[in-house]
Amino acid sequence: MKVREFPAMLGGVAVLALAAAALCIPASAQGDDNNPDVIEVRHYQLTMDKAQKAATTIQAINQLVASNPALSGAMNSDSSAGKLTITQQAQAIDSKYPQVAALIHQNGLETREFIVITGAIINDVSWVGMKKQGMIQAYPPGMITPQNAALIETNWDAFQQMGANMVPPNGN
């Protein structure tokens, strides 16, 4: 499993693309070490509660997008996400996609925090998965916090279930 493939496996939906774009999730760490958004995501302290809220939100957004072809098309064609900071992405979601922002807020998260949490889940589950599969022996410094690694390792099955629940209804 390549790290860049994980967002598609986790959900494959426009919202995850927005979060992944903010991260520049690296196959290697080169070039990202000074990006404040990448640093923030890599150092975000995950909790099971926040991860569950993000997963529930993604599931709700997937259902909304699946039932609204116009929204789906707009989100999938939005090419600006990878060029924006996390703060700018949050502002764009709040202004361009108010239905999505409403779901995020209904699940107890602010839009910016949702993007950061989603990015942290993608990043951290990817690293733990690579270690579990023997692709790496140890976590590279600065890529995942020891606390997040321990949380995900201890709750691996729960994180796998979250990932399964985040898959869009049409399986894409």
N, C-alpha and C. Protein backbone atom coordinates (compact mmCIF):
# COMPACT_ATOMS: atom_id res chain seq x y z
N MET A 1 0.85 -1.18 0.00
CA MET A 1 0.00 0.00 0.00
C MET A 1 0.89 1.23 0.00
N LYS A 2 0.75 2.07 -1.00
CA LYS A 2 1.46 3.34 -1.02
C LYS A 2 0.68 4.33 -0.19
N VAL A 3 1.39 5.24 0.46
CA VAL A 3 0.73 6.21 1.32
C VAL A 3 -0.25 7.06 0.52
N ARG A 4 0.09 7.42 -0.68
CA ARG A 4 -0.79 8.26 -1.49
C ARG A 4 -2.08 7.54 -1.88
N GLU A 5 -2.09 6.22 -1.86
CA GLU A 5 -3.29 5.47 -2.21
C GLU A 5 -4.27 5.37 -1.05
N PHE A 6 -3.82 5.62 0.16
CA PHE A 6 -4.67 5.41 1.32
C PHE A 6 -5.92 6.27 1.33
N PRO A 7 -5.88 7.57 0.95
CA PRO A 7 -7.12 8.35 0.97
C PRO A 7 -8.21 7.70 0.12
N ALA A 8 -7.86 7.16 -1.03
CA ALA A 8 -8.86 6.51 -1.87
C ALA A 8 -9.42 5.27 -1.18
N MET A 9 -8.55 4.53 -0.50
CA MET A 9 -9.01 3.34 0.20
C MET A 9 -9.89 3.72 1.39
N LEU A 10 -9.56 4.82 2.04
CA LEU A 10 -10.30 5.23 3.22
C LEU A 10 -11.66 5.77 2.87
N GLY A 11 -11.80 6.39 1.74
CA GLY A 11 -13.10 6.97 1.42
C GLY A 11 -13.25 7.33 -0.03
N GLY A 12 -12.25 7.88 -0.63
CA GLY A 12 -12.29 8.20 -2.04
C GLY A 12 -13.30 9.27 -2.40
N VAL A 13 -13.58 10.16 -1.53
CA VAL A 13 -14.58 11.17 -1.78
C VAL A 13 -13.92 12.54 -1.78
N ALA A 14 -14.61 13.51 -2.32
CA ALA A 14 -14.04 14.85 -2.48
C ALA A 14 -13.54 15.43 -1.17
N VAL A 15 -14.24 15.21 -0.08
CA VAL A 15 -13.82 15.78 1.20
C VAL A 15 -12.48 15.21 1.62
N LEU A 16 -12.27 13.94 1.42
CA LEU A 16 -10.97 13.36 1.75
C LEU A 16 -9.90 13.90 0.82
N ALA A 17 -10.27 14.15 -0.41
CA ALA A 17 -9.31 14.74 -1.33
C ALA A 17 -8.91 16.13 -0.86
N LEU A 18 -9.88 16.88 -0.34
CA LEU A 18 -9.57 18.20 0.20
C LEU A 18 -8.58 18.08 1.34
N ALA A 19 -8.83 17.17 2.25
CA ALA A 19 -7.94 17.02 3.40
C ALA A 19 -6.58 16.49 2.96
N ALA A 20 -6.56 15.52 2.09
CA ALA A 20 -5.29 14.95 1.64
C ALA A 20 -4.47 15.98 0.88
N ALA A 21 -5.14 16.82 0.11
CA ALA A 21 -4.42 17.85 -0.63
C ALA A 21 -3.73 18.81 0.32
N ALA A 22 -4.37 19.10 1.42
CA ALA A 22 -3.78 20.01 2.39
C ALA A 22 -2.53 19.41 3.01
N LEU A 23 -2.49 18.11 3.09
CA LEU A 23 -1.39 17.43 3.76
C LEU A 23 -0.17 17.26 2.91
N CYS A 24 -0.38 17.09 1.62
CA CYS A 24 0.72 16.65 0.77
C CYS A 24 1.27 15.37 1.37
N ILE A 25 0.41 14.41 1.67
CA ILE A 25 0.83 13.18 2.34
C ILE A 25 1.98 12.58 1.55
N PRO A 26 3.11 12.46 2.19
CA PRO A 26 4.31 12.13 1.44
C PRO A 26 4.60 10.65 1.35
N ALA A 27 5.07 10.24 0.19
CA ALA A 27 5.70 8.94 0.09
C ALA A 27 7.09 9.09 0.71
N SER A 28 7.62 10.28 0.63
CA SER A 28 8.84 10.63 1.36
C SER A 28 8.59 11.99 1.99
N ALA A 29 9.34 12.33 2.96
CA ALA A 29 9.08 13.57 3.71
C ALA A 29 9.68 14.79 3.05
N GLN A 30 10.36 14.64 1.96
CA GLN A 30 11.08 15.75 1.37
C GLN A 30 10.15 16.88 0.99
N GLY A 31 10.54 18.09 1.38
CA GLY A 31 9.82 19.28 0.96
C GLY A 31 8.67 19.69 1.84
N ASP A 32 8.18 18.83 2.70
CA ASP A 32 6.99 19.15 3.48
C ASP A 32 7.30 19.54 4.92
N ASP A 33 8.52 19.37 5.34
CA ASP A 33 8.86 19.55 6.75
C ASP A 33 8.65 20.96 7.26
N ASN A 34 8.64 21.95 6.38
CA ASN A 34 8.46 23.34 6.81
C ASN A 34 7.06 23.86 6.54
N ASN A 35 6.19 23.06 5.96
CA ASN A 35 4.83 23.49 5.67
C ASN A 35 4.02 23.46 6.96
N PRO A 36 3.53 24.64 7.41
CA PRO A 36 2.82 24.67 8.70
C PRO A 36 1.58 23.77 8.73
N ASP A 37 0.89 23.62 7.61
CA ASP A 37 -0.28 22.74 7.58
C ASP A 37 0.12 21.29 7.78
N VAL A 38 1.18 20.87 7.12
CA VAL A 38 1.66 19.50 7.26
C VAL A 38 2.11 19.25 8.69
N ILE A 39 2.84 20.19 9.23
CA ILE A 39 3.30 20.07 10.62
C ILE A 39 2.11 19.97 11.57
N GLU A 40 1.11 20.82 11.36
CA GLU A 40 -0.08 20.78 12.23
C GLU A 40 -0.78 19.43 12.17
N VAL A 41 -0.95 18.91 10.97
CA VAL A 41 -1.64 17.62 10.82
C VAL A 41 -0.83 16.50 11.47
N ARG A 42 0.46 16.49 11.24
CA ARG A 42 1.31 15.43 11.79
C ARG A 42 1.38 15.47 13.31
N HIS A 43 1.15 16.63 13.90
CA HIS A 43 1.25 16.78 15.35
C HIS A 43 -0.11 16.87 16.03
N TYR A 44 -1.18 16.77 15.27
CA TYR A 44 -2.52 16.85 15.86
C TYR A 44 -2.72 15.66 16.80
N GLN A 45 -3.20 15.93 18.00
CA GLN A 45 -3.42 14.88 18.99
C GLN A 45 -4.80 14.24 18.75
N LEU A 46 -4.81 13.07 18.13
CA LEU A 46 -6.06 12.36 17.89
C LEU A 46 -6.62 11.79 19.19
N THR A 47 -7.93 11.73 19.25
CA THR A 47 -8.63 10.99 20.30
C THR A 47 -9.64 10.11 19.58
N MET A 48 -10.09 9.08 20.26
CA MET A 48 -11.12 8.23 19.66
C MET A 48 -12.39 9.04 19.40
N ASP A 49 -12.74 9.93 20.31
CA ASP A 49 -13.94 10.75 20.14
C ASP A 49 -13.85 11.61 18.88
N LYS A 50 -12.74 12.31 18.70
CA LYS A 50 -12.57 13.17 17.52
C LYS A 50 -12.53 12.32 16.24
N ALA A 51 -11.84 11.20 16.28
CA ALA A 51 -11.76 10.33 15.11
C ALA A 51 -13.15 9.81 14.74
N GLN A 52 -13.92 9.40 15.75
CA GLN A 52 -15.29 8.91 15.49
C GLN A 52 -16.16 10.02 14.90
N LYS A 53 -16.04 11.23 15.44
CA LYS A 53 -16.82 12.36 14.92
C LYS A 53 -16.47 12.63 13.46
N ALA A 54 -15.18 12.61 13.14
CA ALA A 54 -14.76 12.82 11.76
C ALA A 54 -15.27 11.71 10.85
N ALA A 55 -15.17 10.48 11.31
CA ALA A 55 -15.65 9.34 10.50
C ALA A 55 -17.16 9.42 10.27
N THR A 56 -17.90 9.76 11.32
CA THR A 56 -19.35 9.91 11.19
C THR A 56 -19.68 11.03 10.22
N THR A 57 -18.92 12.11 10.29
CA THR A 57 -19.13 13.24 9.39
C THR A 57 -18.86 12.84 7.95
N ILE A 58 -17.77 12.14 7.71
CA ILE A 58 -17.45 11.71 6.35
C ILE A 58 -18.55 10.79 5.82
N GLN A 59 -19.03 9.90 6.66
CA GLN A 59 -20.11 9.01 6.23
C GLN A 59 -21.34 9.82 5.84
N ALA A 60 -21.70 10.82 6.63
CA ALA A 60 -22.86 11.66 6.32
C ALA A 60 -22.63 12.47 5.05
N ILE A 61 -21.41 12.98 4.88
CA ILE A 61 -21.10 13.75 3.67
C ILE A 61 -21.16 12.84 2.45
N ASN A 62 -20.64 11.63 2.57
CA ASN A 62 -20.71 10.67 1.45
C ASN A 62 -22.16 10.43 1.04
N GLN A 63 -23.04 10.27 2.02
CA GLN A 63 -24.45 10.04 1.71
C GLN A 63 -25.07 11.26 1.04
N LEU A 64 -24.73 12.45 1.53
CA LEU A 64 -25.23 13.68 0.92
C LEU A 64 -24.75 13.81 -0.51
N VAL A 65 -23.46 13.60 -0.72
CA VAL A 65 -22.89 13.74 -2.06
C VAL A 65 -23.47 12.69 -3.01
N ALA A 66 -23.67 11.47 -2.52
CA ALA A 66 -24.23 10.41 -3.37
C ALA A 66 -25.66 10.73 -3.80
N SER A 67 -26.38 11.44 -2.95
CA SER A 67 -27.78 11.76 -3.27
C SER A 67 -27.93 13.10 -3.99
N ASN A 68 -26.83 13.78 -4.24
CA ASN A 68 -26.88 15.10 -4.86
C ASN A 68 -25.83 15.19 -5.96
N PRO A 69 -26.21 14.78 -7.19
CA PRO A 69 -25.23 14.77 -8.29
C PRO A 69 -24.60 16.14 -8.57
N ALA A 70 -25.36 17.20 -8.40
CA ALA A 70 -24.81 18.54 -8.65
C ALA A 70 -23.71 18.86 -7.65
N LEU A 71 -23.94 18.55 -6.39
CA LEU A 71 -22.93 18.77 -5.36
C LEU A 71 -21.72 17.89 -5.61
N SER A 72 -21.95 16.64 -5.95
CA SER A 72 -20.87 15.72 -6.24
C SER A 72 -20.00 16.25 -7.38
N GLY A 73 -20.63 16.68 -8.44
CA GLY A 73 -19.89 17.22 -9.59
C GLY A 73 -19.10 18.45 -9.23
N ALA A 74 -19.71 19.34 -8.46
CA ALA A 74 -19.02 20.56 -8.06
C ALA A 74 -17.81 20.25 -7.20
N MET A 75 -17.97 19.35 -6.24
CA MET A 75 -16.85 19.02 -5.35
C MET A 75 -15.74 18.28 -6.10
N ASN A 76 -16.12 17.37 -6.97
CA ASN A 76 -15.11 16.61 -7.70
C ASN A 76 -14.36 17.46 -8.72
N SER A 77 -14.98 18.54 -9.20
CA SER A 77 -14.32 19.38 -10.19
C SER A 77 -13.58 20.55 -9.55
N ASP A 78 -13.67 20.69 -8.24
CA ASP A 78 -13.01 21.79 -7.55
C ASP A 78 -11.51 21.49 -7.48
N SER A 79 -10.77 22.15 -8.33
CA SER A 79 -9.33 21.90 -8.42
C SER A 79 -8.51 22.81 -7.52
N SER A 80 -9.16 23.68 -6.78
CA SER A 80 -8.42 24.63 -5.96
C SER A 80 -7.91 24.03 -4.65
N ALA A 81 -8.48 22.93 -4.21
CA ALA A 81 -8.18 22.40 -2.88
C ALA A 81 -6.70 22.19 -2.62
N GLY A 82 -5.99 21.62 -3.54
CA GLY A 82 -4.57 21.33 -3.34
C GLY A 82 -3.70 22.56 -3.31
N LYS A 83 -4.26 23.69 -3.69
CA LYS A 83 -3.48 24.92 -3.74
C LYS A 83 -3.76 25.83 -2.55
N LEU A 84 -4.67 25.42 -1.69
CA LEU A 84 -5.09 26.26 -0.58
C LEU A 84 -4.54 25.74 0.75
N THR A 85 -4.38 26.65 1.69
CA THR A 85 -4.02 26.24 3.04
C THR A 85 -5.24 25.58 3.68
N ILE A 86 -5.03 24.94 4.81
CA ILE A 86 -6.16 24.32 5.50
C ILE A 86 -7.20 25.38 5.86
N THR A 87 -6.76 26.52 6.33
CA THR A 87 -7.70 27.59 6.67
C THR A 87 -8.49 28.03 5.45
N GLN A 88 -7.83 28.19 4.32
CA GLN A 88 -8.51 28.58 3.09
C GLN A 88 -9.48 27.48 2.63
N GLN A 89 -9.08 26.22 2.78
CA GLN A 89 -9.97 25.12 2.41
C GLN A 89 -11.23 25.15 3.27
N ALA A 90 -11.05 25.38 4.57
CA ALA A 90 -12.20 25.43 5.47
C ALA A 90 -13.13 26.57 5.07
N GLN A 91 -12.56 27.71 4.76
CA GLN A 91 -13.37 28.85 4.34
C GLN A 91 -14.10 28.53 3.04
N ALA A 92 -13.43 27.84 2.13
CA ALA A 92 -14.06 27.47 0.86
C ALA A 92 -15.22 26.50 1.08
N ILE A 93 -15.02 25.52 1.94
CA ILE A 93 -16.11 24.58 2.23
C ILE A 93 -17.29 25.33 2.84
N ASP A 94 -17.00 26.19 3.82
CA ASP A 94 -18.07 26.94 4.47
C ASP A 94 -18.84 27.82 3.49
N SER A 95 -18.14 28.41 2.52
CA SER A 95 -18.82 29.32 1.59
C SER A 95 -19.39 28.62 0.36
N LYS A 96 -18.67 27.64 -0.20
CA LYS A 96 -19.11 26.98 -1.43
C LYS A 96 -20.07 25.82 -1.18
N TYR A 97 -19.91 25.14 -0.05
CA TYR A 97 -20.67 23.92 0.21
C TYR A 97 -21.32 24.00 1.60
N PRO A 98 -22.29 24.89 1.78
CA PRO A 98 -22.90 25.06 3.11
C PRO A 98 -23.56 23.80 3.65
N GLN A 99 -24.04 22.92 2.76
CA GLN A 99 -24.64 21.66 3.23
C GLN A 99 -23.59 20.78 3.88
N VAL A 100 -22.40 20.78 3.32
CA VAL A 100 -21.30 20.00 3.87
C VAL A 100 -20.87 20.60 5.20
N ALA A 101 -20.72 21.91 5.23
CA ALA A 101 -20.34 22.59 6.48
C ALA A 101 -21.36 22.31 7.57
N ALA A 102 -22.63 22.29 7.21
CA ALA A 102 -23.69 22.02 8.20
C ALA A 102 -23.52 20.63 8.81
N LEU A 103 -23.19 19.64 8.00
CA LEU A 103 -22.98 18.29 8.51
C LEU A 103 -21.76 18.24 9.44
N ILE A 104 -20.71 18.94 9.07
CA ILE A 104 -19.52 18.98 9.91
C ILE A 104 -19.88 19.57 11.27
N HIS A 105 -20.60 20.68 11.25
CA HIS A 105 -20.96 21.36 12.50
C HIS A 105 -21.96 20.53 13.32
N GLN A 106 -22.87 19.84 12.65
CA GLN A 106 -23.84 18.99 13.36
C GLN A 106 -23.15 17.87 14.13
N ASN A 107 -21.98 17.48 13.66
CA ASN A 107 -21.22 16.42 14.32
C ASN A 107 -20.22 16.96 15.33
N GLY A 108 -20.38 18.23 15.69
CA GLY A 108 -19.59 18.80 16.78
C GLY A 108 -18.20 19.26 16.42
N LEU A 109 -17.95 19.48 15.14
CA LEU A 109 -16.63 19.91 14.70
C LEU A 109 -16.72 21.24 13.95
N GLU A 110 -15.65 21.98 13.99
CA GLU A 110 -15.51 23.15 13.13
C GLU A 110 -14.90 22.64 11.82
N THR A 111 -15.14 23.34 10.74
CA THR A 111 -14.69 22.87 9.43
C THR A 111 -13.18 22.70 9.38
N ARG A 112 -12.45 23.66 9.88
CA ARG A 112 -10.99 23.59 9.83
C ARG A 112 -10.49 22.39 10.64
N GLU A 113 -11.04 22.22 11.83
CA GLU A 113 -10.63 21.10 12.66
C GLU A 113 -10.96 19.76 11.98
N PHE A 114 -12.11 19.69 11.33
CA PHE A 114 -12.49 18.48 10.60
C PHE A 114 -11.43 18.13 9.55
N ILE A 115 -10.97 19.13 8.81
CA ILE A 115 -9.94 18.88 7.79
C ILE A 115 -8.66 18.39 8.45
N VAL A 116 -8.26 19.00 9.55
CA VAL A 116 -7.04 18.60 10.24
C VAL A 116 -7.18 17.18 10.79
N ILE A 117 -8.30 16.89 11.43
CA ILE A 117 -8.52 15.54 11.98
C ILE A 117 -8.50 14.50 10.87
N THR A 118 -9.20 14.79 9.78
CA THR A 118 -9.24 13.84 8.67
C THR A 118 -7.84 13.62 8.11
N GLY A 119 -7.10 14.69 7.97
CA GLY A 119 -5.72 14.56 7.51
C GLY A 119 -4.87 13.75 8.46
N ALA A 120 -5.04 13.98 9.76
CA ALA A 120 -4.28 13.23 10.76
C ALA A 120 -4.63 11.75 10.71
N ILE A 121 -5.91 11.44 10.55
CA ILE A 121 -6.32 10.04 10.44
C ILE A 121 -5.68 9.40 9.22
N ILE A 122 -5.77 10.08 8.08
CA ILE A 122 -5.19 9.53 6.85
C ILE A 122 -3.70 9.30 7.02
N ASN A 123 -3.01 10.32 7.50
CA ASN A 123 -1.56 10.22 7.70
C ASN A 123 -1.21 9.11 8.68
N ASP A 124 -1.82 9.16 9.84
CA ASP A 124 -1.39 8.28 10.93
C ASP A 124 -1.80 6.83 10.70
N VAL A 125 -2.99 6.59 10.19
CA VAL A 125 -3.40 5.22 9.89
C VAL A 125 -2.52 4.65 8.77
N SER A 126 -2.13 5.51 7.84
CA SER A 126 -1.23 5.05 6.77
C SER A 126 0.09 4.56 7.34
N TRP A 127 0.69 5.35 8.24
CA TRP A 127 1.97 4.95 8.83
C TRP A 127 1.84 3.69 9.66
N VAL A 128 0.79 3.62 10.47
CA VAL A 128 0.60 2.41 11.29
C VAL A 128 0.36 1.20 10.39
N GLY A 129 -0.43 1.39 9.35
CA GLY A 129 -0.68 0.30 8.41
C GLY A 129 0.60 -0.19 7.74
N MET A 130 1.44 0.76 7.35
CA MET A 130 2.71 0.36 6.72
C MET A 130 3.58 -0.42 7.70
N LYS A 131 3.57 -0.01 8.95
CA LYS A 131 4.37 -0.74 9.94
C LYS A 131 3.78 -2.13 10.17
N LYS A 132 2.46 -2.20 10.28
CA LYS A 132 1.81 -3.50 10.49
C LYS A 132 2.07 -4.45 9.33
N GLN A 133 2.18 -3.91 8.12
CA GLN A 133 2.42 -4.75 6.95
C GLN A 133 3.90 -5.03 6.72
N GLY A 134 4.75 -4.50 7.60
CA GLY A 134 6.17 -4.75 7.48
C GLY A 134 6.87 -3.89 6.44
N MET A 135 6.19 -2.88 5.94
CA MET A 135 6.79 -2.01 4.93
C MET A 135 7.82 -1.06 5.54
N ILE A 136 7.64 -0.76 6.82
CA ILE A 136 8.62 0.03 7.57
C ILE A 136 8.83 -0.66 8.90
N GLN A 137 10.00 -0.49 9.47
CA GLN A 137 10.30 -1.11 10.76
C GLN A 137 9.99 -0.18 11.92
N ALA A 138 10.14 1.12 11.67
CA ALA A 138 9.90 2.13 12.71
C ALA A 138 9.30 3.36 12.03
N TYR A 139 8.63 4.16 12.81
CA TYR A 139 8.03 5.38 12.27
C TYR A 139 9.11 6.43 12.06
N PRO A 140 9.15 7.02 10.88
CA PRO A 140 10.14 8.07 10.63
C PRO A 140 9.89 9.26 11.57
N PRO A 141 10.93 9.87 12.07
CA PRO A 141 10.77 11.00 12.98
C PRO A 141 9.92 12.11 12.36
N GLY A 142 9.01 12.62 13.15
CA GLY A 142 8.19 13.74 12.73
C GLY A 142 6.99 13.41 11.86
N MET A 143 6.80 12.15 11.51
CA MET A 143 5.71 11.77 10.62
C MET A 143 4.43 11.42 11.36
N ILE A 144 4.56 10.93 12.58
CA ILE A 144 3.42 10.54 13.40
C ILE A 144 3.86 10.67 14.86
N THR A 145 2.98 11.18 15.70
CA THR A 145 3.36 11.30 17.11
C THR A 145 3.31 9.93 17.77
N PRO A 146 4.14 9.71 18.77
CA PRO A 146 4.08 8.43 19.49
C PRO A 146 2.70 8.18 20.09
N GLN A 147 2.02 9.24 20.55
CA GLN A 147 0.69 9.09 21.14
C GLN A 147 -0.32 8.63 20.10
N ASN A 148 -0.28 9.23 18.91
CA ASN A 148 -1.22 8.81 17.86
C ASN A 148 -0.91 7.41 17.38
N ALA A 149 0.37 7.08 17.27
CA ALA A 149 0.74 5.71 16.87
C ALA A 149 0.19 4.71 17.88
N ALA A 150 0.35 5.00 19.16
CA ALA A 150 -0.15 4.09 20.20
C ALA A 150 -1.67 4.00 20.17
N LEU A 151 -2.34 5.13 19.99
CA LEU A 151 -3.81 5.13 19.93
C LEU A 151 -4.30 4.25 18.78
N ILE A 152 -3.72 4.42 17.62
CA ILE A 152 -4.17 3.67 16.45
C ILE A 152 -3.78 2.20 16.56
N GLU A 153 -2.57 1.91 17.03
CA GLU A 153 -2.16 0.52 17.21
C GLU A 153 -3.09 -0.19 18.19
N THR A 154 -3.41 0.47 19.29
CA THR A 154 -4.28 -0.12 20.32
C THR A 154 -5.71 -0.29 19.82
N ASN A 155 -6.15 0.60 18.95
CA ASN A 155 -7.53 0.60 18.46
C ASN A 155 -7.59 0.31 16.96
N TRP A 156 -6.67 -0.51 16.47
CA TRP A 156 -6.57 -0.77 15.04
C TRP A 156 -7.90 -1.23 14.43
N ASP A 157 -8.56 -2.16 15.08
CA ASP A 157 -9.83 -2.66 14.54
C ASP A 157 -10.87 -1.55 14.45
N ALA A 158 -10.92 -0.69 15.46
CA ALA A 158 -11.88 0.42 15.44
C ALA A 158 -11.56 1.39 14.31
N PHE A 159 -10.28 1.66 14.07
CA PHE A 159 -9.92 2.54 12.97
C PHE A 159 -10.21 1.89 11.61
N GLN A 160 -10.04 0.59 11.52
CA GLN A 160 -10.39 -0.10 10.28
C GLN A 160 -11.90 -0.02 10.04
N GLN A 161 -12.70 -0.16 11.10
CA GLN A 161 -14.15 -0.05 10.97
C GLN A 161 -14.54 1.36 10.57
N MET A 162 -13.88 2.37 11.15
CA MET A 162 -14.15 3.75 10.75
C MET A 162 -13.89 3.91 9.26
N GLY A 163 -12.76 3.38 8.81
CA GLY A 163 -12.43 3.48 7.38
C GLY A 163 -13.48 2.81 6.52
N ALA A 164 -13.94 1.64 6.94
CA ALA A 164 -14.98 0.94 6.18
C ALA A 164 -16.27 1.74 6.14
N ASN A 165 -16.59 2.41 7.24
CA ASN A 165 -17.81 3.20 7.30
C ASN A 165 -17.71 4.48 6.47
N MET A 166 -16.50 4.89 6.15
CA MET A 166 -16.30 6.13 5.40
C MET A 166 -16.38 5.91 3.88
N VAL A 167 -16.46 4.68 3.45
CA VAL A 167 -16.51 4.41 2.02
C VAL A 167 -17.85 4.92 1.49
N PRO A 168 -17.81 5.67 0.38
CA PRO A 168 -19.05 6.19 -0.20
C PRO A 168 -20.02 5.07 -0.54
N PRO A 169 -21.33 5.38 -0.51
CA PRO A 169 -22.34 4.36 -0.78
C PRO A 169 -22.16 3.62 -2.10
N ASN A 170 -21.63 4.30 -3.12
CA ASN A 170 -21.44 3.62 -4.40
C ASN A 170 -20.11 2.89 -4.48
N GLY A 171 -19.34 2.93 -3.37
CA GLY A 171 -18.09 2.18 -3.30
C GLY A 171 -16.91 2.85 -3.97
N ASN A 172 -17.07 4.07 -4.46
CA ASN A 172 -15.97 4.77 -5.13
C ASN A 172 -15.05 5.43 -4.17
